[in-house]
């Protein structure tokens, strides 16, 4: 998977997560799924399947890197810049960028 494809999938996941939160009041489908042995139903379309795969990867990220999870979620779901995130958590821009890139690499590895 190329970097552009990963970005596109994360952007689609962020849009989907915002949509789910707006319509249901729940943060994401992961609240209902046991992500450790989640099977994606065959009725799910290609795009939905990709979104659910990203959701599973992000849920797994949360188990290993809480800050990386929060940065990814804040960036892609809430559309908050990394610079704003760094100010909000009182960490350097470089640190937040490193956490963000590490979280993206984790998701990339999980999806590959």
PDB file of N, CA and C in Angstrom:
ATOM      1  N   UNK A   1       0.843  -1.170   0.000  1.00  0.00           N
ATOM      2  CA  UNK A   1       0.000   0.000   0.000  1.00  0.00           C
ATOM      3  C   UNK A   1       0.891   1.237   0.000  1.00  0.00           C
ATOM      4  N   UNK A   2       0.602   2.155  -0.896  1.00  0.00           N
ATOM      5  CA  UNK A   2       1.370   3.393  -0.976  1.00  0.00           C
ATOM      6  C   UNK A   2       0.879   4.390   0.068  1.00  0.00           C
ATOM      7  N   UNK A   3       1.722   5.376   0.347  1.00  0.00           N
ATOM      8  CA  UNK A   3       1.406   6.390   1.344  1.00  0.00           C
ATOM      9  C   UNK A   3       0.115   7.131   0.997  1.00  0.00           C
ATOM     10  N   UNK A   4      -0.075   7.448  -0.289  1.00  0.00           N
ATOM     11  CA  UNK A   4      -1.287   8.155  -0.709  1.00  0.00           C
ATOM     12  C   UNK A   4      -2.540   7.329  -0.449  1.00  0.00           C
ATOM     13  N   UNK A   5      -2.435   6.019  -0.686  1.00  0.00           N
ATOM     14  CA  UNK A   5      -3.581   5.143  -0.445  1.00  0.00           C
ATOM     15  C   UNK A   5      -3.901   5.075   1.047  1.00  0.00           C
ATOM     16  N   UNK A   6      -2.865   4.999   1.875  1.00  0.00           N
ATOM     17  CA  UNK A   6      -3.078   4.985   3.318  1.00  0.00           C
ATOM     18  C   UNK A   6      -3.760   6.271   3.759  1.00  0.00           C
ATOM     19  N   UNK A   7      -3.259   7.408   3.287  1.00  0.00           N
ATOM     20  CA  UNK A   7      -3.859   8.704   3.640  1.00  0.00           C
ATOM     21  C   UNK A   7      -5.330   8.734   3.241  1.00  0.00           C
ATOM     22  N   UNK A   8      -5.631   8.276   2.018  1.00  0.00           N
ATOM     23  CA  UNK A   8      -7.014   8.282   1.529  1.00  0.00           C
ATOM     24  C   UNK A   8      -7.897   7.405   2.414  1.00  0.00           C
ATOM     25  N   UNK A   9      -7.386   6.248   2.797  1.00  0.00           N
ATOM     26  CA  UNK A   9      -8.172   5.352   3.647  1.00  0.00           C
ATOM     27  C   UNK A   9      -8.391   5.957   5.034  1.00  0.00           C
ATOM     28  N   UNK A  10      -7.377   6.620   5.571  1.00  0.00           N
ATOM     29  CA  UNK A  10      -7.535   7.268   6.876  1.00  0.00           C
ATOM     30  C   UNK A  10      -8.508   8.445   6.799  1.00  0.00           C
ATOM     31  N   UNK A  11      -8.459   9.195   5.713  1.00  0.00           N
ATOM     32  CA  UNK A  11      -9.404  10.302   5.526  1.00  0.00           C
ATOM     33  C   UNK A  11     -10.828   9.770   5.442  1.00  0.00           C
ATOM     34  N   UNK A  12     -11.035   8.709   4.661  1.00  0.00           N
ATOM     35  CA  UNK A  12     -12.369   8.101   4.560  1.00  0.00           C
ATOM     36  C   UNK A  12     -12.838   7.570   5.907  1.00  0.00           C
ATOM     37  N   UNK A  13     -11.927   6.963   6.664  1.00  0.00           N
ATOM     38  CA  UNK A  13     -12.264   6.481   8.000  1.00  0.00           C
ATOM     39  C   UNK A  13     -12.683   7.645   8.901  1.00  0.00           C
ATOM     40  N   UNK A  14     -11.954   8.762   8.830  1.00  0.00           N
ATOM     41  CA  UNK A  14     -12.292   9.933   9.635  1.00  0.00           C
ATOM     42  C   UNK A  14     -13.672  10.470   9.301  1.00  0.00           C
ATOM     43  N   UNK A  15     -13.980  10.550   8.014  1.00  0.00           N
ATOM     44  CA  UNK A  15     -15.316  11.007   7.589  1.00  0.00           C
ATOM     45  C   UNK A  15     -16.393  10.063   8.103  1.00  0.00           C
ATOM     46  N   UNK A  16     -16.148   8.773   7.935  1.00  0.00           N
ATOM     47  CA  UNK A  16     -17.103   7.762   8.392  1.00  0.00           C
ATOM     48  C   UNK A  16     -17.305   7.868   9.901  1.00  0.00           C
ATOM     49  N   UNK A  17     -16.226   8.040  10.643  1.00  0.00           N
ATOM     50  CA  UNK A  17     -16.313   8.135  12.098  1.00  0.00           C
ATOM     51  C   UNK A  17     -17.117   9.354  12.525  1.00  0.00           C
ATOM     52  N   UNK A  18     -16.910  10.479  11.838  1.00  0.00           N
ATOM     53  CA  UNK A  18     -17.701  11.679  12.137  1.00  0.00           C
ATOM     54  C   UNK A  18     -19.174  11.416  11.865  1.00  0.00           C
ATOM     55  N   UNK A  19     -19.464  10.781  10.758  1.00  0.00           N
ATOM     56  CA  UNK A  19     -20.840  10.469  10.367  1.00  0.00           C
ATOM     57  C   UNK A  19     -21.498   9.555  11.396  1.00  0.00           C
ATOM     58  N   UNK A  20     -20.804   8.522  11.816  1.00  0.00           N
ATOM     59  CA  UNK A  20     -21.346   7.586  12.803  1.00  0.00           C
ATOM     60  C   UNK A  20     -21.614   8.310  14.108  1.00  0.00           C
ATOM     61  N   UNK A  21     -20.690   9.148  14.529  1.00  0.00           N
ATOM     62  CA  UNK A  21     -20.839   9.863  15.793  1.00  0.00           C
ATOM     63  C   UNK A  21     -22.015  10.821  15.733  1.00  0.00           C
ATOM     64  N   UNK A  22     -22.205  11.506  14.619  1.00  0.00           N
ATOM     65  CA  UNK A  22     -23.298  12.469  14.468  1.00  0.00           C
ATOM     66  C   UNK A  22     -24.651  11.764  14.509  1.00  0.00           C
ATOM     67  N   UNK A  23     -24.771  10.644  13.826  1.00  0.00           N
ATOM     68  CA  UNK A  23     -26.066   9.982  13.695  1.00  0.00           C
ATOM     69  C   UNK A  23     -26.421   9.065  14.853  1.00  0.00           C
ATOM     70  N   UNK A  24     -25.452   8.543  15.558  1.00  0.00           N
ATOM     71  CA  UNK A  24     -25.760   7.577  16.608  1.00  0.00           C
ATOM     72  C   UNK A  24     -25.370   8.044  17.997  1.00  0.00           C
ATOM     73  N   UNK A  25     -24.492   9.020  18.072  1.00  0.00           N
ATOM     74  CA  UNK A  25     -23.990   9.431  19.366  1.00  0.00           C
ATOM     75  C   UNK A  25     -22.869   8.547  19.875  1.00  0.00           C
ATOM     76  N   UNK A  26     -22.521   7.503  19.114  1.00  0.00           N
ATOM     77  CA  UNK A  26     -21.424   6.618  19.491  1.00  0.00           C
ATOM     78  C   UNK A  26     -20.174   7.029  18.741  1.00  0.00           C
ATOM     79  N   UNK A  27     -19.002   6.867  19.351  1.00  0.00           N
ATOM     80  CA  UNK A  27     -17.769   7.312  18.698  1.00  0.00           C
ATOM     81  C   UNK A  27     -17.424   6.542  17.443  1.00  0.00           C
ATOM     82  N   UNK A  28     -17.800   5.278  17.342  1.00  0.00           N
ATOM     83  CA  UNK A  28     -17.504   4.503  16.141  1.00  0.00           C
ATOM     84  C   UNK A  28     -18.114   3.125  16.275  1.00  0.00           C
ATOM     85  N   UNK A  29     -18.051   2.383  15.203  1.00  0.00           N
ATOM     86  CA  UNK A  29     -18.568   1.027  15.199  1.00  0.00           C
ATOM     87  C   UNK A  29     -17.808   0.142  16.170  1.00  0.00           C
ATOM     88  N   UNK A  30     -16.597   0.516  16.498  1.00  0.00           N
ATOM     89  CA  UNK A  30     -15.774  -0.330  17.361  1.00  0.00           C
ATOM     90  C   UNK A  30     -16.400  -0.540  18.733  1.00  0.00           C
ATOM     91  N   UNK A  31     -17.297   0.338  19.134  1.00  0.00           N
ATOM     92  CA  UNK A  31     -17.968   0.160  20.414  1.00  0.00           C
ATOM     93  C   UNK A  31     -18.799  -1.120  20.430  1.00  0.00           C
ATOM     94  N   UNK A  32     -19.176  -1.591  19.258  1.00  0.00           N
ATOM     95  CA  UNK A  32     -20.024  -2.773  19.156  1.00  0.00           C
ATOM     96  C   UNK A  32     -19.271  -4.017  18.712  1.00  0.00           C
ATOM     97  N   UNK A  33     -18.030  -3.874  18.357  1.00  0.00           N
ATOM     98  CA  UNK A  33     -17.286  -4.985  17.776  1.00  0.00           C
ATOM     99  C   UNK A  33     -16.238  -5.507  18.734  1.00  0.00           C
ATOM    100  N   UNK A  34     -16.058  -6.806  18.731  1.00  0.00           N
ATOM    101  CA  UNK A  34     -14.921  -7.404  19.416  1.00  0.00           C
ATOM    102  C   UNK A  34     -13.804  -7.420  18.385  1.00  0.00           C
ATOM    103  N   UNK A  35     -12.931  -6.434  18.421  1.00  0.00           N
ATOM    104  CA  UNK A  35     -11.948  -6.261  17.355  1.00  0.00           C
ATOM    105  C   UNK A  35     -10.860  -7.320  17.360  1.00  0.00           C
ATOM    106  N   UNK A  36     -10.739  -8.085  18.417  1.00  0.00           N
ATOM    107  CA  UNK A  36      -9.680  -9.091  18.433  1.00  0.00           C
ATOM    108  C   UNK A  36      -9.937 -10.212  17.433  1.00  0.00           C
ATOM    109  N   UNK A  37     -11.211 -10.525  17.180  1.00  0.00           N
ATOM    110  CA  UNK A  37     -11.504 -11.554  16.191  1.00  0.00           C
ATOM    111  C   UNK A  37     -12.652 -11.110  15.290  1.00  0.00           C
ATOM    112  N   UNK A  38     -12.590  -9.846  14.887  1.00  0.00           N
ATOM    113  CA  UNK A  38     -13.632  -9.273  14.053  1.00  0.00           C
ATOM    114  C   UNK A  38     -13.573  -9.865  12.652  1.00  0.00           C
ATOM    115  N   UNK A  39     -14.707 -10.302  12.160  1.00  0.00           N
ATOM    116  CA  UNK A  39     -14.836 -10.736  10.778  1.00  0.00           C
ATOM    117  C   UNK A  39     -15.692  -9.714  10.057  1.00  0.00           C
ATOM    118  N   UNK A  40     -15.257  -9.322   8.899  1.00  0.00           N
ATOM    119  CA  UNK A  40     -16.001  -8.332   8.135  1.00  0.00           C
ATOM    120  C   UNK A  40     -17.043  -9.065   7.310  1.00  0.00           C
ATOM    121  N   UNK A  41     -18.329  -8.728   7.477  1.00  0.00           N
ATOM    122  CA  UNK A  41     -19.380  -9.423   6.741  1.00  0.00           C
ATOM    123  C   UNK A  41     -19.200  -9.293   5.234  1.00  0.00           C
ATOM    124  N   UNK A  42     -19.580 -10.336   4.513  1.00  0.00           N
ATOM    125  CA  UNK A  42     -19.417 -10.319   3.056  1.00  0.00           C
ATOM    126  C   UNK A  42     -20.351  -9.331   2.382  1.00  0.00           C
ATOM    127  N   UNK A  43     -21.402  -8.872   3.072  1.00  0.00           N
ATOM    128  CA  UNK A  43     -22.333  -7.908   2.492  1.00  0.00           C
ATOM    129  C   UNK A  43     -21.770  -6.488   2.474  1.00  0.00           C
ATOM    130  N   UNK A  44     -20.663  -6.281   3.150  1.00  0.00           N
ATOM    131  CA  UNK A  44     -20.053  -4.957   3.217  1.00  0.00           C
ATOM    132  C   UNK A  44     -19.365  -4.650   1.891  1.00  0.00           C
ATOM    133  N   UNK A  45     -19.566  -3.428   1.376  1.00  0.00           N
ATOM    134  CA  UNK A  45     -18.964  -3.054   0.099  1.00  0.00           C
ATOM    135  C   UNK A  45     -17.470  -2.815   0.263  1.00  0.00           C
ATOM    136  N   UNK A  46     -16.778  -2.680  -0.869  1.00  0.00           N
ATOM    137  CA  UNK A  46     -15.332  -2.475  -0.850  1.00  0.00           C
ATOM    138  C   UNK A  46     -14.915  -1.307   0.014  1.00  0.00           C
ATOM    139  N   UNK A  47     -15.549  -0.164  -0.173  1.00  0.00           N
ATOM    140  CA  UNK A  47     -15.182   1.012   0.607  1.00  0.00           C
ATOM    141  C   UNK A  47     -15.513   0.802   2.079  1.00  0.00           C
ATOM    142  N   UNK A  48     -16.686   0.259   2.367  1.00  0.00           N
ATOM    143  CA  UNK A  48     -17.046  -0.010   3.756  1.00  0.00           C
ATOM    144  C   UNK A  48     -16.083  -1.015   4.382  1.00  0.00           C
ATOM    145  N   UNK A  49     -15.699  -2.009   3.609  1.00  0.00           N
ATOM    146  CA  UNK A  49     -14.763  -3.015   4.107  1.00  0.00           C
ATOM    147  C   UNK A  49     -13.426  -2.362   4.448  1.00  0.00           C
ATOM    148  N   UNK A  50     -12.949  -1.474   3.581  1.00  0.00           N
ATOM    149  CA  UNK A  50     -11.690  -0.773   3.851  1.00  0.00           C
ATOM    150  C   UNK A  50     -11.800   0.077   5.115  1.00  0.00           C
ATOM    151  N   UNK A  51     -12.936   0.742   5.283  1.00  0.00           N
ATOM    152  CA  UNK A  51     -13.140   1.581   6.463  1.00  0.00           C
ATOM    153  C   UNK A  51     -13.132   0.721   7.724  1.00  0.00           C
ATOM    154  N   UNK A  52     -13.804  -0.415   7.671  1.00  0.00           N
ATOM    155  CA  UNK A  52     -13.825  -1.300   8.835  1.00  0.00           C
ATOM    156  C   UNK A  52     -12.443  -1.881   9.130  1.00  0.00           C
ATOM    157  N   UNK A  53     -11.661  -2.127   8.088  1.00  0.00           N
ATOM    158  CA  UNK A  53     -10.291  -2.600   8.299  1.00  0.00           C
ATOM    159  C   UNK A  53      -9.457  -1.524   8.991  1.00  0.00           C
ATOM    160  N   UNK A  54      -9.632  -0.268   8.568  1.00  0.00           N
ATOM    161  CA  UNK A  54      -8.918   0.841   9.216  1.00  0.00           C
ATOM    162  C   UNK A  54      -9.394   0.978  10.655  1.00  0.00           C
ATOM    163  N   UNK A  55     -10.692   0.866  10.875  1.00  0.00           N
ATOM    164  CA  UNK A  55     -11.245   0.947  12.233  1.00  0.00           C
ATOM    165  C   UNK A  55     -10.612  -0.114  13.135  1.00  0.00           C
ATOM    166  N   UNK A  56     -10.484  -1.307  12.624  1.00  0.00           N
ATOM    167  CA  UNK A  56      -9.864  -2.392  13.394  1.00  0.00           C
ATOM    168  C   UNK A  56      -8.403  -2.061  13.706  1.00  0.00           C
ATOM    169  N   UNK A  57      -7.685  -1.520  12.715  1.00  0.00           N
ATOM    170  CA  UNK A  57      -6.279  -1.148  12.909  1.00  0.00           C
ATOM    171  C   UNK A  57      -6.143  -0.052  13.958  1.00  0.00           C
ATOM    172  N   UNK A  58      -7.028   0.934  13.901  1.00  0.00           N
ATOM    173  CA  UNK A  58      -6.972   2.044  14.860  1.00  0.00           C
ATOM    174  C   UNK A  58      -7.298   1.541  16.267  1.00  0.00           C
ATOM    175  N   UNK A  59      -8.255   0.640  16.378  1.00  0.00           N
ATOM    176  CA  UNK A  59      -8.575   0.053  17.692  1.00  0.00           C
ATOM    177  C   UNK A  59      -7.382  -0.720  18.251  1.00  0.00           C
ATOM    178  N   UNK A  60      -6.680  -1.420  17.383  1.00  0.00           N
ATOM    179  CA  UNK A  60      -5.484  -2.157  17.808  1.00  0.00           C
ATOM    180  C   UNK A  60      -4.390  -1.173  18.238  1.00  0.00           C
ATOM    181  N   UNK A  61      -4.251  -0.077  17.496  1.00  0.00           N
ATOM    182  CA  UNK A  61      -3.281   0.961  17.857  1.00  0.00           C
ATOM    183  C   UNK A  61      -3.528   1.449  19.280  1.00  0.00           C
ATOM    184  N   UNK A  62      -4.791   1.653  19.633  1.00  0.00           N
ATOM    185  CA  UNK A  62      -5.130   2.155  20.965  1.00  0.00           C
ATOM    186  C   UNK A  62      -4.594   1.239  22.064  1.00  0.00           C
ATOM    187  N   UNK A  63      -4.552  -0.061  21.798  1.00  0.00           N
ATOM    188  CA  UNK A  63      -4.053  -1.015  22.787  1.00  0.00           C
ATOM    189  C   UNK A  63      -2.556  -0.850  23.047  1.00  0.00           C
ATOM    190  N   UNK A  64      -1.824  -0.358  22.049  1.00  0.00           N
ATOM    191  CA  UNK A  64      -0.366  -0.265  22.153  1.00  0.00           C
ATOM    192  C   UNK A  64       0.153   1.157  22.340  1.00  0.00           C
ATOM    193  N   UNK A  65      -0.587   2.139  21.854  1.00  0.00           N
ATOM    194  CA  UNK A  65      -0.101   3.519  21.868  1.00  0.00           C
ATOM    195  C   UNK A  65      -1.281   4.471  22.028  1.00  0.00           C
ATOM    196  N   UNK A  66      -1.635   4.747  23.269  1.00  0.00           N
ATOM    197  CA  UNK A  66      -2.791   5.600  23.567  1.00  0.00           C
ATOM    198  C   UNK A  66      -2.628   6.999  22.971  1.00  0.00           C
ATOM    199  N   UNK A  67      -1.423   7.574  23.093  1.00  0.00           N
ATOM    200  CA  UNK A  67      -1.208   8.912  22.546  1.00  0.00           C
ATOM    201  C   UNK A  67      -1.287   8.894  21.023  1.00  0.00           C
ATOM    202  N   UNK A  68      -0.681   7.905  20.385  1.00  0.00           N
ATOM    203  CA  UNK A  68      -0.763   7.784  18.930  1.00  0.00           C
ATOM    204  C   UNK A  68      -2.201   7.673  18.468  1.00  0.00           C
ATOM    205  N   UNK A  69      -2.986   6.884  19.194  1.00  0.00           N
ATOM    206  CA  UNK A  69      -4.414   6.738  18.897  1.00  0.00           C
ATOM    207  C   UNK A  69      -5.123   8.085  18.991  1.00  0.00           C
ATOM    208  N   UNK A  70      -4.878   8.812  20.072  1.00  0.00           N
ATOM    209  CA  UNK A  70      -5.535  10.113  20.269  1.00  0.00           C
ATOM    210  C   UNK A  70      -5.132  11.112  19.186  1.00  0.00           C
ATOM    211  N   UNK A  71      -3.859  11.102  18.800  1.00  0.00           N
ATOM    212  CA  UNK A  71      -3.394  12.027  17.759  1.00  0.00           C
ATOM    213  C   UNK A  71      -4.036  11.683  16.418  1.00  0.00           C
ATOM    214  N   UNK A  72      -4.057  10.400  16.053  1.00  0.00           N
ATOM    215  CA  UNK A  72      -4.683   9.976  14.793  1.00  0.00           C
ATOM    216  C   UNK A  72      -6.163  10.345  14.791  1.00  0.00           C
ATOM    217  N   UNK A  73      -6.844  10.037  15.877  1.00  0.00           N
ATOM    218  CA  UNK A  73      -8.277  10.319  15.993  1.00  0.00           C
ATOM    219  C   UNK A  73      -8.543  11.826  15.892  1.00  0.00           C
ATOM    220  N   UNK A  74      -7.775  12.614  16.614  1.00  0.00           N
ATOM    221  CA  UNK A  74      -7.976  14.060  16.613  1.00  0.00           C
ATOM    222  C   UNK A  74      -7.688  14.652  15.243  1.00  0.00           C
ATOM    223  N   UNK A  75      -6.652  14.170  14.589  1.00  0.00           N
ATOM    224  CA  UNK A  75      -6.270  14.688  13.273  1.00  0.00           C
ATOM    225  C   UNK A  75      -7.286  14.307  12.197  1.00  0.00           C
ATOM    226  N   UNK A  76      -7.624  13.031  12.110  1.00  0.00           N
ATOM    227  CA  UNK A  76      -8.480  12.567  11.012  1.00  0.00           C
ATOM    228  C   UNK A  76      -9.975  12.712  11.282  1.00  0.00           C
ATOM    229  N   UNK A  77     -10.411  12.569  12.515  1.00  0.00           N
ATOM    230  CA  UNK A  77     -11.843  12.687  12.797  1.00  0.00           C
ATOM    231  C   UNK A  77     -12.231  14.133  13.062  1.00  0.00           C
ATOM    232  N   UNK A  78     -11.451  14.825  13.874  1.00  0.00           N
ATOM    233  CA  UNK A  78     -11.803  16.193  14.271  1.00  0.00           C
ATOM    234  C   UNK A  78     -11.189  17.267  13.385  1.00  0.00           C
ATOM    235  N   UNK A  79     -10.355  16.853  12.426  1.00  0.00           N
ATOM    236  CA  UNK A  79      -9.693  17.792  11.510  1.00  0.00           C
ATOM    237  C   UNK A  79      -8.906  18.874  12.246  1.00  0.00           C
ATOM    238  N   UNK A  80      -8.187  18.472  13.277  1.00  0.00           N
ATOM    239  CA  UNK A  80      -7.343  19.391  14.038  1.00  0.00           C
ATOM    240  C   UNK A  80      -5.908  19.202  13.554  1.00  0.00           C
ATOM    241  N   UNK A  81      -5.232  20.304  13.268  1.00  0.00           N
ATOM    242  CA  UNK A  81      -3.860  20.219  12.755  1.00  0.00           C
ATOM    243  C   UNK A  81      -2.914  19.669  13.824  1.00  0.00           C
ATOM    244  N   UNK A  82      -1.810  19.115  13.358  1.00  0.00           N
ATOM    245  CA  UNK A  82      -0.807  18.599  14.289  1.00  0.00           C
ATOM    246  C   UNK A  82      -0.219  19.723  15.139  1.00  0.00           C
ATOM    247  N   UNK A  83      -0.087  20.907  14.565  1.00  0.00           N
ATOM    248  CA  UNK A  83       0.421  22.043  15.336  1.00  0.00           C
ATOM    249  C   UNK A  83      -0.528  22.400  16.480  1.00  0.00           C
ATOM    250  N   UNK A  84      -1.826  22.386  16.210  1.00  0.00           N
ATOM    251  CA  UNK A  84      -2.824  22.676  17.247  1.00  0.00           C
ATOM    252  C   UNK A  84      -2.813  21.574  18.307  1.00  0.00           C
ATOM    253  N   UNK A  85      -2.697  20.335  17.863  1.00  0.00           N
ATOM    254  CA  UNK A  85      -2.627  19.220  18.814  1.00  0.00           C
ATOM    255  C   UNK A  85      -1.422  19.394  19.730  1.00  0.00           C
ATOM    256  N   UNK A  86      -0.273  19.775  19.154  1.00  0.00           N
ATOM    257  CA  UNK A  86       0.936  19.944  19.974  1.00  0.00           C
ATOM    258  C   UNK A  86       0.744  21.041  21.020  1.00  0.00           C
ATOM    259  N   UNK A  87       0.062  22.114  20.649  1.00  0.00           N
ATOM    260  CA  UNK A  87      -0.218  23.183  21.623  1.00  0.00           C
ATOM    261  C   UNK A  87      -1.165  22.687  22.709  1.00  0.00           C
ATOM    262  N   UNK A  88      -2.203  21.955  22.302  1.00  0.00           N
ATOM    263  CA  UNK A  88      -3.204  21.478  23.258  1.00  0.00           C
ATOM    264  C   UNK A  88      -2.619  20.514  24.284  1.00  0.00           C
ATOM    265  N   UNK A  89      -1.687  19.668  23.861  1.00  0.00           N
ATOM    266  CA  UNK A  89      -1.117  18.697  24.804  1.00  0.00           C
ATOM    267  C   UNK A  89       0.227  19.164  25.378  1.00  0.00           C
ATOM    268  N   UNK A  90       0.606  20.381  24.993  1.00  0.00           N
ATOM    269  CA  UNK A  90       1.830  21.003  25.517  1.00  0.00           C
ATOM    270  C   UNK A  90       3.078  20.155  25.263  1.00  0.00           C
ATOM    271  N   UNK A  91       3.192  19.713  24.020  1.00  0.00           N
ATOM    272  CA  UNK A  91       4.371  18.975  23.552  1.00  0.00           C
ATOM    273  C   UNK A  91       4.905  19.658  22.311  1.00  0.00           C
ATOM    274  N   UNK A  92       6.158  19.417  21.991  1.00  0.00           N
ATOM    275  CA  UNK A  92       6.753  20.057  20.818  1.00  0.00           C
ATOM    276  C   UNK A  92       6.104  19.535  19.538  1.00  0.00           C
ATOM    277  N   UNK A  93       6.162  20.371  18.512  1.00  0.00           N
ATOM    278  CA  UNK A  93       5.623  19.976  17.200  1.00  0.00           C
ATOM    279  C   UNK A  93       6.336  18.730  16.687  1.00  0.00           C
ATOM    280  N   UNK A  94       7.649  18.691  16.861  1.00  0.00           N
ATOM    281  CA  UNK A  94       8.427  17.544  16.409  1.00  0.00           C
ATOM    282  C   UNK A  94       7.996  16.259  17.093  1.00  0.00           C
ATOM    283  N   UNK A  95       7.732  16.345  18.384  1.00  0.00           N
ATOM    284  CA  UNK A  95       7.290  15.169  19.134  1.00  0.00           C
ATOM    285  C   UNK A  95       5.945  14.661  18.613  1.00  0.00           C
ATOM    286  N   UNK A  96       5.000  15.579  18.424  1.00  0.00           N
ATOM    287  CA  UNK A  96       3.669  15.193  17.943  1.00  0.00           C
ATOM    288  C   UNK A  96       3.753  14.632  16.529  1.00  0.00           C
ATOM    289  N   UNK A  97       4.584  15.225  15.683  1.00  0.00           N
ATOM    290  CA  UNK A  97       4.762  14.707  14.317  1.00  0.00           C
ATOM    291  C   UNK A  97       5.350  13.294  14.355  1.00  0.00           C
ATOM    292  N   UNK A  98       6.282  13.059  15.259  1.00  0.00           N
ATOM    293  CA  UNK A  98       6.877  11.729  15.387  1.00  0.00           C
ATOM    294  C   UNK A  98       5.840  10.708  15.858  1.00  0.00           C
ATOM    295  N   UNK A  99       5.042  11.083  16.838  1.00  0.00           N
ATOM    296  CA  UNK A  99       3.975  10.201  17.330  1.00  0.00           C
ATOM    297  C   UNK A  99       2.985   9.906  16.206  1.00  0.00           C
ATOM    298  N   UNK A 100       2.620  10.939  15.453  1.00  0.00           N
ATOM    299  CA  UNK A 100       1.669  10.803  14.343  1.00  0.00           C
ATOM    300  C   UNK A 100       2.207   9.856  13.275  1.00  0.00           C
ATOM    301  N   UNK A 101       3.446  10.058  12.876  1.00  0.00           N
ATOM    302  CA  UNK A 101       4.050   9.200  11.845  1.00  0.00           C
ATOM    303  C   UNK A 101       4.159   7.752  12.337  1.00  0.00           C
ATOM    304  N   UNK A 102       4.519   7.588  13.592  1.00  0.00           N
ATOM    305  CA  UNK A 102       4.590   6.238  14.154  1.00  0.00           C
ATOM    306  C   UNK A 102       3.228   5.550  14.162  1.00  0.00           C
ATOM    307  N   UNK A 103       2.190   6.310  14.494  1.00  0.00           N
ATOM    308  CA  UNK A 103       0.832   5.757  14.495  1.00  0.00           C
ATOM    309  C   UNK A 103       0.402   5.388  13.080  1.00  0.00           C
ATOM    310  N   UNK A 104       0.719   6.242  12.117  1.00  0.00           N
ATOM    311  CA  UNK A 104       0.397   5.926  10.720  1.00  0.00           C
ATOM    312  C   UNK A 104       1.149   4.676  10.260  1.00  0.00           C
ATOM    313  N   UNK A 105       2.405   4.549  10.657  1.00  0.00           N
ATOM    314  CA  UNK A 105       3.183   3.365  10.274  1.00  0.00           C
ATOM    315  C   UNK A 105       2.605   2.098  10.906  1.00  0.00           C
ATOM    316  N   UNK A 106       2.148   2.205  12.148  1.00  0.00           N
ATOM    317  CA  UNK A 106       1.514   1.066  12.804  1.00  0.00           C
ATOM    318  C   UNK A 106       0.282   0.630  12.013  1.00  0.00           C
ATOM    319  N   UNK A 107      -0.556   1.592  11.644  1.00  0.00           N
ATOM    320  CA  UNK A 107      -1.775   1.295  10.882  1.00  0.00           C
ATOM    321  C   UNK A 107      -1.412   0.705   9.530  1.00  0.00           C
ATOM    322  N   UNK A 108      -0.413   1.281   8.877  1.00  0.00           N
ATOM    323  CA  UNK A 108       0.036   0.759   7.580  1.00  0.00           C
ATOM    324  C   UNK A 108       0.474  -0.697   7.717  1.00  0.00           C
ATOM    325  N   UNK A 109       1.266  -0.977   8.729  1.00  0.00           N
ATOM    326  CA  UNK A 109       1.725  -2.345   8.952  1.00  0.00           C
ATOM    327  C   UNK A 109       0.578  -3.298   9.248  1.00  0.00           C
ATOM    328  N   UNK A 110      -0.382  -2.832  10.009  1.00  0.00           N
ATOM    329  CA  UNK A 110      -1.534  -3.664  10.345  1.00  0.00           C
ATOM    330  C   UNK A 110      -2.358  -3.983   9.101  1.00  0.00           C
ATOM    331  N   UNK A 111      -2.478  -3.007   8.196  1.00  0.00           N
ATOM    332  CA  UNK A 111      -3.293  -3.185   6.993  1.00  0.00           C
ATOM    333  C   UNK A 111      -2.566  -3.960   5.904  1.00  0.00           C
ATOM    334  N   UNK A 112      -1.245  -4.032   5.990  1.00  0.00           N
ATOM    335  CA  UNK A 112      -0.464  -4.705   4.934  1.00  0.00           C
ATOM    336  C   UNK A 112      -0.434  -6.205   5.111  1.00  0.00           C
TER     337      UNK A 112
END
